[in-house]
Amino acid sequence: MSTVASTPWAPEMSLTPDSLRSAVQRYVETVNRRDPEAIAALFTDEAVQADPASAPPNVGREAIAAFFRAGIDASDDWEFRATGVHTCAPSVAIDFAIAVTMGTATMQVTGIEVFTSAEDGRFSSAHAYWDDADVTSA
């Protein structure tokens, strides 16, 4: 008999490291397609998202879609990459890098983003951690 389920800090979950890595891969691919509704569909109905984490949170899919729509409207293109993925169900943290093109300028931001996943694999929260020291121009 396993003692894992009886400990309060390790509940039984269907989320696995592989399923969390797959969810991150879907997120990266969807963010790079620049479709705000498709990005928001990766989140639960009442999800909380903040980017950066110190900003007022976007609560719910409509607010999350509006956040990404504003970023899309303010830029010509971007490339989002997860350069490292660290799982601990139901959470997954990524090291990220995004290069955002606006006209002839490119802004690069690096940081970490921490997600919490619901049992269905959608994200119930996402908080990105970065500040001005993590932003460079190219």
Protein backbone atom coordinates (compact mmCIF):
# COMPACT_ATOMS: atom_id res chain seq x y z
CA MET A 1 0.00 0.00 0.00
CA SER A 2 1.30 3.43 -0.92
CA THR A 3 1.72 6.00 1.82
CA VAL A 4 1.89 8.87 -0.66
CA ALA A 5 -1.88 9.48 -0.76
CA SER A 6 -2.13 9.53 3.04
CA THR A 7 0.32 12.42 3.45
CA PRO A 8 -1.22 15.90 3.45
CA TRP A 9 1.49 17.36 1.22
CA ALA A 10 1.23 14.80 -1.62
CA PRO A 11 -2.38 14.25 -2.68
CA GLU A 12 -3.17 11.80 -5.47
CA MET A 13 -3.42 13.63 -8.79
CA SER A 14 -3.82 12.68 -12.40
CA LEU A 15 -1.45 15.48 -13.43
CA THR A 16 1.94 14.07 -14.29
CA PRO A 17 5.24 15.68 -15.20
CA ASP A 18 4.62 14.65 -18.81
CA SER A 19 1.10 16.12 -18.89
CA LEU A 20 2.38 19.39 -17.39
CA ARG A 21 5.20 19.56 -19.95
CA SER A 22 2.65 18.94 -22.72
CA ALA A 23 0.47 21.76 -21.34
CA VAL A 24 3.47 24.11 -21.43
CA GLN A 25 4.26 23.07 -25.01
CA ARG A 26 0.63 23.81 -26.03
CA TYR A 27 0.89 27.19 -24.28
CA VAL A 28 4.13 28.11 -26.10
CA GLU A 29 2.72 27.06 -29.48
CA THR A 30 -0.56 28.90 -28.88
CA VAL A 31 1.10 32.09 -27.61
CA ASN A 32 3.29 32.11 -30.73
CA ARG A 33 0.20 31.84 -32.97
CA ARG A 34 -0.91 35.17 -31.44
CA ASP A 35 -4.59 34.21 -31.15
CA PRO A 36 -5.89 35.73 -27.89
CA GLU A 37 -9.04 33.59 -27.73
CA ALA A 38 -7.05 30.39 -28.29
CA ILE A 39 -4.61 31.43 -25.56
CA ALA A 40 -7.47 32.19 -23.15
CA ALA A 41 -9.01 28.77 -23.92
CA LEU A 42 -5.97 27.17 -22.26
CA PHE A 43 -7.20 28.63 -18.94
CA THR A 44 -10.11 27.71 -16.69
CA ASP A 45 -13.17 30.00 -16.65
CA GLU A 46 -12.09 31.79 -13.45
CA ALA A 47 -8.32 31.65 -13.97
CA VAL A 48 -6.06 34.37 -12.57
CA GLN A 49 -3.17 35.60 -14.72
CA ALA A 50 -0.69 38.39 -13.98
CA ASP A 51 2.22 39.51 -16.14
CA PRO A 52 4.28 40.67 -14.39
CA ALA A 53 3.10 39.12 -11.13
CA SER A 54 3.12 42.56 -9.46
CA ALA A 55 0.53 43.89 -11.97
CA PRO A 56 -3.20 43.80 -11.25
CA PRO A 57 -4.36 40.30 -12.19
CA ASN A 58 -6.48 39.42 -15.19
CA VAL A 59 -9.34 37.29 -13.88
CA GLY A 60 -11.28 35.03 -16.22
CA ARG A 61 -10.86 34.10 -19.86
CA GLU A 62 -12.20 37.39 -21.24
CA ALA A 63 -9.67 39.40 -19.24
CA ILE A 64 -6.85 37.04 -20.21
CA ALA A 65 -7.81 37.31 -23.90
CA ALA A 66 -7.91 41.12 -23.58
CA PHE A 67 -4.41 41.12 -22.04
CA PHE A 68 -2.97 39.11 -24.93
CA ARG A 69 -4.96 41.09 -27.52
CA ALA A 70 -3.38 44.31 -26.20
CA GLY A 71 0.10 42.78 -26.54
CA ILE A 72 -0.65 41.60 -30.06
CA ASP A 73 -2.01 45.01 -31.06
CA ALA A 74 1.08 46.77 -29.64
CA SER A 75 3.58 44.58 -31.50
CA ASP A 76 4.35 43.31 -34.98
CA ASP A 77 5.50 39.85 -33.93
CA TRP A 78 6.94 37.86 -31.07
CA GLU A 79 8.70 34.62 -30.32
CA PHE A 80 7.98 33.05 -26.93
CA ARG A 81 10.17 30.19 -25.70
CA ALA A 82 10.16 28.03 -22.60
CA THR A 83 13.87 27.52 -22.00
CA GLY A 84 13.35 25.32 -18.94
CA VAL A 85 10.36 23.46 -17.48
CA HIS A 86 10.12 22.44 -13.82
CA THR A 87 7.14 20.38 -12.65
CA CYS A 88 5.66 19.75 -9.22
CA ALA A 89 1.99 18.88 -9.74
CA PRO A 90 -0.29 20.71 -9.84
CA SER A 91 2.24 23.47 -10.54
CA VAL A 92 4.72 23.97 -13.32
CA ALA A 93 7.32 26.72 -13.53
CA ILE A 94 9.09 27.74 -16.72
CA ASP A 95 12.11 29.81 -17.51
CA PHE A 96 10.99 31.92 -20.45
CA ALA A 97 12.36 34.27 -23.06
CA ILE A 98 10.26 36.39 -25.37
CA ALA A 99 11.49 38.57 -28.22
CA VAL A 100 8.89 41.19 -29.15
CA THR A 101 9.24 43.05 -32.46
CA MET A 102 7.83 46.57 -32.80
CA GLY A 103 8.78 48.17 -36.08
CA THR A 104 12.55 47.90 -36.45
CA ALA A 105 13.15 47.41 -32.71
CA THR A 106 13.13 44.16 -30.76
CA MET A 107 12.63 43.98 -27.01
CA GLN A 108 13.70 40.83 -25.19
CA VAL A 109 12.33 39.79 -21.80
CA THR A 110 13.50 36.86 -19.72
CA GLY A 111 11.95 35.59 -16.52
CA ILE A 112 10.01 32.78 -14.96
CA GLU A 113 6.31 31.99 -15.14
CA VAL A 114 4.52 29.80 -12.62
CA PHE A 115 1.31 28.02 -13.57
CA THR A 116 -1.17 26.02 -11.53
CA SER A 117 -3.09 23.40 -13.48
CA ALA A 118 -6.60 22.12 -12.96
CA GLU A 119 -7.27 18.39 -13.21
CA ASP A 120 -8.46 18.84 -16.82
CA GLY A 121 -5.02 20.22 -17.79
CA ARG A 122 -6.10 23.83 -18.24
CA PHE A 123 -4.33 26.50 -16.21
CA SER A 124 -6.12 27.97 -13.20
CA SER A 125 -3.39 30.55 -12.62
CA ALA A 126 -0.29 31.98 -14.25
CA HIS A 127 2.10 34.53 -12.79
CA ALA A 128 5.12 35.85 -14.68
CA TYR A 129 8.12 37.11 -12.71
CA TRP A 130 10.35 39.69 -14.39
CA ASP A 131 11.32 43.33 -13.94
CA ASP A 132 13.12 46.09 -15.82
CA ALA A 133 16.49 44.38 -15.27
CA ASP A 134 15.20 41.46 -17.36
CA VAL A 135 14.37 43.63 -20.41
CA THR A 136 16.91 44.35 -23.15
CA SER A 137 16.70 45.98 -26.57
CA ALA A 138 18.22 44.65 -29.74
